[in-house]
Amino acid sequence: VMADRGMFSTTDLIAPLADRGISLSS
């Protein structure tokens, strides 16, 4: 699903998750 949305790096999720109040390490 990430690849279909043009997100090819796992770290592409860190900032959007942080914007929603979820803090996860890489």
mmCIF file of all heavy atoms, coordinates in Angstrom:
data_MODEL
# 
_entry.id   MODEL 
# 
loop_
_atom_site.group_PDB 
_atom_site.id 
_atom_site.type_symbol 
_atom_site.label_atom_id 
_atom_site.label_alt_id 
_atom_site.label_comp_id 
_atom_site.label_asym_id 
_atom_site.label_entity_id 
_atom_site.label_seq_id 
_atom_site.pdbx_PDB_ins_code 
_atom_site.Cartn_x 
_atom_site.Cartn_y 
_atom_site.Cartn_z 
_atom_site.occupancy 
_atom_site.B_iso_or_equiv 
_atom_site.pdbx_formal_charge 
_atom_site.auth_seq_id 
_atom_site.auth_comp_id 
_atom_site.auth_asym_id 
_atom_site.auth_atom_id 
_atom_site.pdbx_PDB_model_num 
ATOM 1   N N   . VAL A 1 1  ? 0.839  -1.203 0.000  1.00 0.00 ? 1  VAL A N   1 
ATOM 2   C CA  . VAL A 1 1  ? 0.000  0.000  0.000  1.00 0.00 ? 1  VAL A CA  1 
ATOM 3   C C   . VAL A 1 1  ? 0.872  1.251  0.000  1.00 0.00 ? 1  VAL A C   1 
ATOM 4   O O   . VAL A 1 1  ? 0.579  2.227  -0.702 1.00 0.00 ? 1  VAL A O   1 
ATOM 5   C CB  . VAL A 1 1  ? -0.971 -0.012 1.208  1.00 0.00 ? 1  VAL A CB  1 
ATOM 6   C CG1 . VAL A 1 1  ? -1.725 1.290  1.325  1.00 0.00 ? 1  VAL A CG1 1 
ATOM 7   C CG2 . VAL A 1 1  ? -1.939 -1.183 1.095  1.00 0.00 ? 1  VAL A CG2 1 
ATOM 8   N N   . MET A 1 2  ? 1.965  1.205  0.766  1.00 0.00 ? 2  MET A N   1 
ATOM 9   C CA  . MET A 1 2  ? 2.888  2.345  0.763  1.00 0.00 ? 2  MET A CA  1 
ATOM 10  C C   . MET A 1 2  ? 3.473  2.557  -0.633 1.00 0.00 ? 2  MET A C   1 
ATOM 11  O O   . MET A 1 2  ? 3.565  3.690  -1.108 1.00 0.00 ? 2  MET A O   1 
ATOM 12  C CB  . MET A 1 2  ? 4.014  2.124  1.774  1.00 0.00 ? 2  MET A CB  1 
ATOM 13  C CG  . MET A 1 2  ? 3.621  2.332  3.212  1.00 0.00 ? 2  MET A CG  1 
ATOM 14  S SD  . MET A 1 2  ? 4.983  1.996  4.348  1.00 0.00 ? 2  MET A SD  1 
ATOM 15  C CE  . MET A 1 2  ? 6.186  3.216  3.841  1.00 0.00 ? 2  MET A CE  1 
ATOM 16  N N   . ALA A 1 3  ? 3.871  1.479  -1.287 1.00 0.00 ? 3  ALA A N   1 
ATOM 17  C CA  . ALA A 1 3  ? 4.455  1.593  -2.632 1.00 0.00 ? 3  ALA A CA  1 
ATOM 18  C C   . ALA A 1 3  ? 3.428  2.142  -3.618 1.00 0.00 ? 3  ALA A C   1 
ATOM 19  O O   . ALA A 1 3  ? 3.782  2.943  -4.495 1.00 0.00 ? 3  ALA A O   1 
ATOM 20  C CB  . ALA A 1 3  ? 4.970  0.236  -3.090 1.00 0.00 ? 3  ALA A CB  1 
ATOM 21  N N   . ASP A 1 4  ? 2.173  1.730  -3.481 1.00 0.00 ? 4  ASP A N   1 
ATOM 22  C CA  . ASP A 1 4  ? 1.125  2.263  -4.357 1.00 0.00 ? 4  ASP A CA  1 
ATOM 23  C C   . ASP A 1 4  ? 0.944  3.764  -4.173 1.00 0.00 ? 4  ASP A C   1 
ATOM 24  O O   . ASP A 1 4  ? 0.525  4.464  -5.091 1.00 0.00 ? 4  ASP A O   1 
ATOM 25  C CB  . ASP A 1 4  ? -0.207 1.560  -4.090 1.00 0.00 ? 4  ASP A CB  1 
ATOM 26  C CG  . ASP A 1 4  ? -0.200 0.098  -4.517 1.00 0.00 ? 4  ASP A CG  1 
ATOM 27  O OD1 . ASP A 1 4  ? 0.697  -0.300 -5.291 1.00 0.00 ? 4  ASP A OD1 1 
ATOM 28  O OD2 . ASP A 1 4  ? -1.092 -0.654 -4.046 1.00 0.00 ? 4  ASP A OD2 1 
ATOM 29  N N   . ARG A 1 5  ? 1.263  4.270  -2.978 1.00 0.00 ? 5  ARG A N   1 
ATOM 30  C CA  . ARG A 1 5  ? 1.128  5.707  -2.675 1.00 0.00 ? 5  ARG A CA  1 
ATOM 31  C C   . ARG A 1 5  ? 2.437  6.466  -2.919 1.00 0.00 ? 5  ARG A C   1 
ATOM 32  O O   . ARG A 1 5  ? 2.548  7.637  -2.592 1.00 0.00 ? 5  ARG A O   1 
ATOM 33  C CB  . ARG A 1 5  ? 0.712  5.914  -1.220 1.00 0.00 ? 5  ARG A CB  1 
ATOM 34  C CG  . ARG A 1 5  ? -0.534 5.176  -0.750 1.00 0.00 ? 5  ARG A CG  1 
ATOM 35  C CD  . ARG A 1 5  ? -1.790 5.590  -1.498 1.00 0.00 ? 5  ARG A CD  1 
ATOM 36  N NE  . ARG A 1 5  ? -3.001 5.060  -0.917 1.00 0.00 ? 5  ARG A NE  1 
ATOM 37  C CZ  . ARG A 1 5  ? -3.536 3.876  -1.200 1.00 0.00 ? 5  ARG A CZ  1 
ATOM 38  N NH1 . ARG A 1 5  ? -2.935 3.066  -2.031 1.00 0.00 ? 5  ARG A NH1 1 
ATOM 39  N NH2 . ARG A 1 5  ? -4.681 3.494  -0.660 1.00 0.00 ? 5  ARG A NH2 1 
ATOM 40  N N   . GLY A 1 6  ? 3.461  5.783  -3.451 1.00 0.00 ? 6  GLY A N   1 
ATOM 41  C CA  . GLY A 1 6  ? 4.736  6.446  -3.748 1.00 0.00 ? 6  GLY A CA  1 
ATOM 42  C C   . GLY A 1 6  ? 5.656  6.572  -2.549 1.00 0.00 ? 6  GLY A C   1 
ATOM 43  O O   . GLY A 1 6  ? 6.597  7.356  -2.572 1.00 0.00 ? 6  GLY A O   1 
ATOM 44  N N   . MET A 1 7  ? 5.397  5.810  -1.500 1.00 0.00 ? 7  MET A N   1 
ATOM 45  C CA  . MET A 1 7  ? 6.249  5.829  -0.304 1.00 0.00 ? 7  MET A CA  1 
ATOM 46  C C   . MET A 1 7  ? 7.116  4.566  -0.348 1.00 0.00 ? 7  MET A C   1 
ATOM 47  O O   . MET A 1 7  ? 6.639  3.476  -0.065 1.00 0.00 ? 7  MET A O   1 
ATOM 48  C CB  . MET A 1 7  ? 5.392  5.861  0.954  1.00 0.00 ? 7  MET A CB  1 
ATOM 49  C CG  . MET A 1 7  ? 4.480  7.062  1.043  1.00 0.00 ? 7  MET A CG  1 
ATOM 50  S SD  . MET A 1 7  ? 3.330  6.970  2.426  1.00 0.00 ? 7  MET A SD  1 
ATOM 51  C CE  . MET A 1 7  ? 4.384  7.469  3.754  1.00 0.00 ? 7  MET A CE  1 
ATOM 52  N N   . PHE A 1 8  ? 8.384  4.735  -0.728 1.00 0.00 ? 8  PHE A N   1 
ATOM 53  C CA  . PHE A 1 8  ? 9.244  3.575  -0.915 1.00 0.00 ? 8  PHE A CA  1 
ATOM 54  C C   . PHE A 1 8  ? 10.244 3.376  0.221  1.00 0.00 ? 8  PHE A C   1 
ATOM 55  O O   . PHE A 1 8  ? 10.969 2.395  0.246  1.00 0.00 ? 8  PHE A O   1 
ATOM 56  C CB  . PHE A 1 8  ? 9.983  3.683  -2.249 1.00 0.00 ? 8  PHE A CB  1 
ATOM 57  C CG  . PHE A 1 8  ? 9.039  3.707  -3.411 1.00 0.00 ? 8  PHE A CG  1 
ATOM 58  C CD1 . PHE A 1 8  ? 8.755  4.890  -4.068 1.00 0.00 ? 8  PHE A CD1 1 
ATOM 59  C CD2 . PHE A 1 8  ? 8.408  2.552  -3.835 1.00 0.00 ? 8  PHE A CD2 1 
ATOM 60  C CE1 . PHE A 1 8  ? 7.870  4.912  -5.137 1.00 0.00 ? 8  PHE A CE1 1 
ATOM 61  C CE2 . PHE A 1 8  ? 7.522  2.565  -4.896 1.00 0.00 ? 8  PHE A CE2 1 
ATOM 62  C CZ  . PHE A 1 8  ? 7.254  3.754  -5.555 1.00 0.00 ? 8  PHE A CZ  1 
ATOM 63  N N   . SER A 1 9  ? 10.287 4.277  1.160  1.00 0.00 ? 9  SER A N   1 
ATOM 64  C CA  . SER A 1 9  ? 11.180 4.164  2.309  1.00 0.00 ? 9  SER A CA  1 
ATOM 65  C C   . SER A 1 9  ? 10.339 4.036  3.573  1.00 0.00 ? 9  SER A C   1 
ATOM 66  O O   . SER A 1 9  ? 9.331  4.741  3.730  1.00 0.00 ? 9  SER A O   1 
ATOM 67  C CB  . SER A 1 9  ? 12.078 5.403  2.403  1.00 0.00 ? 9  SER A CB  1 
ATOM 68  O OG  . SER A 1 9  ? 12.882 5.342  3.548  1.00 0.00 ? 9  SER A OG  1 
ATOM 69  N N   . THR A 1 10 ? 10.766 3.145  4.456  1.00 0.00 ? 10 THR A N   1 
ATOM 70  C CA  . THR A 1 10 ? 9.997  2.954  5.688  1.00 0.00 ? 10 THR A CA  1 
ATOM 71  C C   . THR A 1 10 ? 9.993  4.213  6.545  1.00 0.00 ? 10 THR A C   1 
ATOM 72  O O   . THR A 1 10 ? 9.033  4.467  7.268  1.00 0.00 ? 10 THR A O   1 
ATOM 73  C CB  . THR A 1 10 ? 10.554 1.778  6.507  1.00 0.00 ? 10 THR A CB  1 
ATOM 74  O OG1 . THR A 1 10 ? 11.920 2.026  6.814  1.00 0.00 ? 10 THR A OG1 1 
ATOM 75  C CG2 . THR A 1 10 ? 10.423 0.477  5.746  1.00 0.00 ? 10 THR A CG2 1 
ATOM 76  N N   . THR A 1 11 ? 11.041 5.017  6.444  1.00 0.00 ? 11 THR A N   1 
ATOM 77  C CA  . THR A 1 11 ? 11.114 6.233  7.254  1.00 0.00 ? 11 THR A CA  1 
ATOM 78  C C   . THR A 1 11 ? 10.146 7.314  6.770  1.00 0.00 ? 11 THR A C   1 
ATOM 79  O O   . THR A 1 11 ? 9.967  8.319  7.460  1.00 0.00 ? 11 THR A O   1 
ATOM 80  C CB  . THR A 1 11 ? 12.553 6.789  7.269  1.00 0.00 ? 11 THR A CB  1 
ATOM 81  O OG1 . THR A 1 11 ? 12.986 7.004  5.919  1.00 0.00 ? 11 THR A OG1 1 
ATOM 82  C CG2 . THR A 1 11 ? 13.497 5.821  7.963  1.00 0.00 ? 11 THR A CG2 1 
ATOM 83  N N   . ASP A 1 12 ? 9.527  7.101  5.613  1.00 0.00 ? 12 ASP A N   1 
ATOM 84  C CA  . ASP A 1 12 ? 8.526  8.060  5.130  1.00 0.00 ? 12 ASP A CA  1 
ATOM 85  C C   . ASP A 1 12 ? 7.311  8.126  6.049  1.00 0.00 ? 12 ASP A C   1 
ATOM 86  O O   . ASP A 1 12 ? 6.539  9.079  5.987  1.00 0.00 ? 12 ASP A O   1 
ATOM 87  C CB  . ASP A 1 12 ? 8.058  7.696  3.715  1.00 0.00 ? 12 ASP A CB  1 
ATOM 88  C CG  . ASP A 1 12 ? 9.134  7.881  2.663  1.00 0.00 ? 12 ASP A CG  1 
ATOM 89  O OD1 . ASP A 1 12 ? 10.117 8.594  2.947  1.00 0.00 ? 12 ASP A OD1 1 
ATOM 90  O OD2 . ASP A 1 12 ? 8.988  7.317  1.565  1.00 0.00 ? 12 ASP A OD2 1 
ATOM 91  N N   . LEU A 1 13 ? 7.142  7.125  6.903  1.00 0.00 ? 13 LEU A N   1 
ATOM 92  C CA  . LEU A 1 13 ? 5.997  7.111  7.816  1.00 0.00 ? 13 LEU A CA  1 
ATOM 93  C C   . LEU A 1 13 ? 6.257  7.827  9.136  1.00 0.00 ? 13 LEU A C   1 
ATOM 94  O O   . LEU A 1 13 ? 5.311  8.136  9.856  1.00 0.00 ? 13 LEU A O   1 
ATOM 95  C CB  . LEU A 1 13 ? 5.597  5.664  8.123  1.00 0.00 ? 13 LEU A CB  1 
ATOM 96  C CG  . LEU A 1 13 ? 4.782  4.926  7.080  1.00 0.00 ? 13 LEU A CG  1 
ATOM 97  C CD1 . LEU A 1 13 ? 4.533  3.498  7.524  1.00 0.00 ? 13 LEU A CD1 1 
ATOM 98  C CD2 . LEU A 1 13 ? 3.476  5.633  6.816  1.00 0.00 ? 13 LEU A CD2 1 
ATOM 99  N N   . ILE A 1 14 ? 7.515  8.086  9.461  1.00 0.00 ? 14 ILE A N   1 
ATOM 100 C CA  . ILE A 1 14 ? 7.839  8.635  10.786 1.00 0.00 ? 14 ILE A CA  1 
ATOM 101 C C   . ILE A 1 14 ? 7.188  10.003 10.999 1.00 0.00 ? 14 ILE A C   1 
ATOM 102 O O   . ILE A 1 14 ? 6.521  10.232 12.010 1.00 0.00 ? 14 ILE A O   1 
ATOM 103 C CB  . ILE A 1 14 ? 9.364  8.695  10.997 1.00 0.00 ? 14 ILE A CB  1 
ATOM 104 C CG1 . ILE A 1 14 ? 9.930  7.271  11.039 1.00 0.00 ? 14 ILE A CG1 1 
ATOM 105 C CG2 . ILE A 1 14 ? 9.698  9.445  12.285 1.00 0.00 ? 14 ILE A CG2 1 
ATOM 106 C CD1 . ILE A 1 14 ? 11.437 7.203  11.138 1.00 0.00 ? 14 ILE A CD1 1 
ATOM 107 N N   . ALA A 1 15 ? 7.362  10.910 10.065 1.00 0.00 ? 15 ALA A N   1 
ATOM 108 C CA  . ALA A 1 15 ? 6.809  12.261 10.225 1.00 0.00 ? 15 ALA A CA  1 
ATOM 109 C C   . ALA A 1 15 ? 5.276  12.266 10.222 1.00 0.00 ? 15 ALA A C   1 
ATOM 110 O O   . ALA A 1 15 ? 4.666  12.897 11.093 1.00 0.00 ? 15 ALA A O   1 
ATOM 111 C CB  . ALA A 1 15 ? 7.355  13.191 9.141  1.00 0.00 ? 15 ALA A CB  1 
ATOM 112 N N   . PRO A 1 16 ? 4.604  11.578 9.285  1.00 0.00 ? 16 PRO A N   1 
ATOM 113 C CA  . PRO A 1 16 ? 3.130  11.568 9.339  1.00 0.00 ? 16 PRO A CA  1 
ATOM 114 C C   . PRO A 1 16 ? 2.585  10.939 10.621 1.00 0.00 ? 16 PRO A C   1 
ATOM 115 O O   . PRO A 1 16 ? 1.558  11.387 11.140 1.00 0.00 ? 16 PRO A O   1 
ATOM 116 C CB  . PRO A 1 16 ? 2.720  10.749 8.112  1.00 0.00 ? 16 PRO A CB  1 
ATOM 117 C CG  . PRO A 1 16 ? 3.877  10.809 7.187  1.00 0.00 ? 16 PRO A CG  1 
ATOM 118 C CD  . PRO A 1 16 ? 5.080  10.937 8.050  1.00 0.00 ? 16 PRO A CD  1 
ATOM 119 N N   . LEU A 1 17 ? 3.261  9.916  11.136 1.00 0.00 ? 17 LEU A N   1 
ATOM 120 C CA  . LEU A 1 17 ? 2.825  9.327  12.405 1.00 0.00 ? 17 LEU A CA  1 
ATOM 121 C C   . LEU A 1 17 ? 3.018  10.316 13.549 1.00 0.00 ? 17 LEU A C   1 
ATOM 122 O O   . LEU A 1 17 ? 2.165  10.442 14.433 1.00 0.00 ? 17 LEU A O   1 
ATOM 123 C CB  . LEU A 1 17 ? 3.578  8.033  12.691 1.00 0.00 ? 17 LEU A CB  1 
ATOM 124 C CG  . LEU A 1 17 ? 3.162  6.806  11.878 1.00 0.00 ? 17 LEU A CG  1 
ATOM 125 C CD1 . LEU A 1 17 ? 4.136  5.658  12.092 1.00 0.00 ? 17 LEU A CD1 1 
ATOM 126 C CD2 . LEU A 1 17 ? 1.752  6.375  12.223 1.00 0.00 ? 17 LEU A CD2 1 
ATOM 127 N N   . ALA A 1 18 ? 4.149  11.041 13.526 1.00 0.00 ? 18 ALA A N   1 
ATOM 128 C CA  . ALA A 1 18 ? 4.416  12.038 14.569 1.00 0.00 ? 18 ALA A CA  1 
ATOM 129 C C   . ALA A 1 18 ? 3.382  13.161 14.522 1.00 0.00 ? 18 ALA A C   1 
ATOM 130 O O   . ALA A 1 18 ? 2.990  13.689 15.572 1.00 0.00 ? 18 ALA A O   1 
ATOM 131 C CB  . ALA A 1 18 ? 5.827  12.591 14.415 1.00 0.00 ? 18 ALA A CB  1 
ATOM 132 N N   . ASP A 1 19 ? 2.937  13.540 13.319 1.00 0.00 ? 19 ASP A N   1 
ATOM 133 C CA  . ASP A 1 19 ? 1.902  14.570 13.192 1.00 0.00 ? 19 ASP A CA  1 
ATOM 134 C C   . ASP A 1 19 ? 0.599  14.141 13.855 1.00 0.00 ? 19 ASP A C   1 
ATOM 135 O O   . ASP A 1 19 ? -0.199 14.979 14.265 1.00 0.00 ? 19 ASP A O   1 
ATOM 136 C CB  . ASP A 1 19 ? 1.630  14.885 11.717 1.00 0.00 ? 19 ASP A CB  1 
ATOM 137 C CG  . ASP A 1 19 ? 2.806  15.575 11.045 1.00 0.00 ? 19 ASP A CG  1 
ATOM 138 O OD1 . ASP A 1 19 ? 3.672  16.113 11.772 1.00 0.00 ? 19 ASP A OD1 1 
ATOM 139 O OD2 . ASP A 1 19 ? 2.855  15.565 9.792  1.00 0.00 ? 19 ASP A OD2 1 
ATOM 140 N N   . ARG A 1 20 ? 0.398  12.847 13.954 1.00 0.00 ? 20 ARG A N   1 
ATOM 141 C CA  . ARG A 1 20 ? -0.819 12.309 14.563 1.00 0.00 ? 20 ARG A CA  1 
ATOM 142 C C   . ARG A 1 20 ? -0.592 11.876 16.007 1.00 0.00 ? 20 ARG A C   1 
ATOM 143 O O   . ARG A 1 20 ? -1.397 11.161 16.583 1.00 0.00 ? 20 ARG A O   1 
ATOM 144 C CB  . ARG A 1 20 ? -1.339 11.153 13.714 1.00 0.00 ? 20 ARG A CB  1 
ATOM 145 C CG  . ARG A 1 20 ? -1.931 11.642 12.408 1.00 0.00 ? 20 ARG A CG  1 
ATOM 146 C CD  . ARG A 1 20 ? -2.015 10.557 11.363 1.00 0.00 ? 20 ARG A CD  1 
ATOM 147 N NE  . ARG A 1 20 ? -2.604 11.046 10.123 1.00 0.00 ? 20 ARG A NE  1 
ATOM 148 C CZ  . ARG A 1 20 ? -1.941 11.732 9.205  1.00 0.00 ? 20 ARG A CZ  1 
ATOM 149 N NH1 . ARG A 1 20 ? -0.661 12.027 9.391  1.00 0.00 ? 20 ARG A NH1 1 
ATOM 150 N NH2 . ARG A 1 20 ? -2.531 12.134 8.106  1.00 0.00 ? 20 ARG A NH2 1 
ATOM 151 N N   . GLY A 1 21 ? 0.526  12.291 16.587 1.00 0.00 ? 21 GLY A N   1 
ATOM 152 C CA  . GLY A 1 21 ? 0.798  12.035 17.999 1.00 0.00 ? 21 GLY A CA  1 
ATOM 153 C C   . GLY A 1 21 ? 1.365  10.660 18.305 1.00 0.00 ? 21 GLY A C   1 
ATOM 154 O O   . GLY A 1 21 ? 1.351  10.227 19.449 1.00 0.00 ? 21 GLY A O   1 
ATOM 155 N N   . ILE A 1 22 ? 1.891  9.967  17.293 1.00 0.00 ? 22 ILE A N   1 
ATOM 156 C CA  . ILE A 1 22 ? 2.464  8.634  17.507 1.00 0.00 ? 22 ILE A CA  1 
ATOM 157 C C   . ILE A 1 22 ? 3.956  8.714  17.287 1.00 0.00 ? 22 ILE A C   1 
ATOM 158 O O   . ILE A 1 22 ? 4.419  9.055  16.195 1.00 0.00 ? 22 ILE A O   1 
ATOM 159 C CB  . ILE A 1 22 ? 1.823  7.600  16.559 1.00 0.00 ? 22 ILE A CB  1 
ATOM 160 C CG1 . ILE A 1 22 ? 0.333  7.498  16.861 1.00 0.00 ? 22 ILE A CG1 1 
ATOM 161 C CG2 . ILE A 1 22 ? 2.503  6.253  16.695 1.00 0.00 ? 22 ILE A CG2 1 
ATOM 162 C CD1 . ILE A 1 22 ? -0.449 6.696  15.877 1.00 0.00 ? 22 ILE A CD1 1 
ATOM 163 N N   . SER A 1 23 ? 4.699  8.410  18.323 1.00 0.00 ? 23 SER A N   1 
ATOM 164 C CA  . SER A 1 23 ? 6.152  8.499  18.279 1.00 0.00 ? 23 SER A CA  1 
ATOM 165 C C   . SER A 1 23 ? 6.750  7.098  18.198 1.00 0.00 ? 23 SER A C   1 
ATOM 166 O O   . SER A 1 23 ? 6.721  6.345  19.173 1.00 0.00 ? 23 SER A O   1 
ATOM 167 C CB  . SER A 1 23 ? 6.654  9.223  19.537 1.00 0.00 ? 23 SER A CB  1 
ATOM 168 O OG  . SER A 1 23 ? 8.034  9.089  19.660 1.00 0.00 ? 23 SER A OG  1 
ATOM 169 N N   . LEU A 1 24 ? 7.277  6.741  17.027 1.00 0.00 ? 24 LEU A N   1 
ATOM 170 C CA  . LEU A 1 24 ? 7.932  5.454  16.829 1.00 0.00 ? 24 LEU A CA  1 
ATOM 171 C C   . LEU A 1 24 ? 9.340  5.685  16.302 1.00 0.00 ? 24 LEU A C   1 
ATOM 172 O O   . LEU A 1 24 ? 9.570  6.610  15.521 1.00 0.00 ? 24 LEU A O   1 
ATOM 173 C CB  . LEU A 1 24 ? 7.167  4.592  15.820 1.00 0.00 ? 24 LEU A CB  1 
ATOM 174 C CG  . LEU A 1 24 ? 5.764  4.131  16.194 1.00 0.00 ? 24 LEU A CG  1 
ATOM 175 C CD1 . LEU A 1 24 ? 5.140  3.351  15.040 1.00 0.00 ? 24 LEU A CD1 1 
ATOM 176 C CD2 . LEU A 1 24 ? 5.793  3.274  17.433 1.00 0.00 ? 24 LEU A CD2 1 
ATOM 177 N N   . SER A 1 25 ? 10.272 4.846  16.731 1.00 0.00 ? 25 SER A N   1 
ATOM 178 C CA  . SER A 1 25 ? 11.638 4.948  16.222 1.00 0.00 ? 25 SER A CA  1 
ATOM 179 C C   . SER A 1 25 ? 11.696 4.394  14.808 1.00 0.00 ? 25 SER A C   1 
ATOM 180 O O   . SER A 1 25 ? 10.766 3.719  14.349 1.00 0.00 ? 25 SER A O   1 
ATOM 181 C CB  . SER A 1 25 ? 12.597 4.176  17.129 1.00 0.00 ? 25 SER A CB  1 
ATOM 182 O OG  . SER A 1 25 ? 12.360 2.785  17.016 1.00 0.00 ? 25 SER A OG  1 
ATOM 183 N N   . SER A 1 26 ? 12.794 4.645  14.118 1.00 0.00 ? 26 SER A N   1 
ATOM 184 C CA  . SER A 1 26 ? 12.914 4.162  12.744 1.00 0.00 ? 26 SER A CA  1 
ATOM 185 C C   . SER A 1 26 ? 12.914 2.636  12.703 1.00 0.00 ? 26 SER A C   1 
ATOM 186 O O   . SER A 1 26 ? 12.366 2.034  11.769 1.00 0.00 ? 26 SER A O   1 
ATOM 187 C CB  . SER A 1 26 ? 14.168 4.720  12.078 1.00 0.00 ? 26 SER A CB  1 
ATOM 188 O OG  . SER A 1 26 ? 15.322 4.338  12.800 1.00 0.00 ? 26 SER A OG  1 
# 
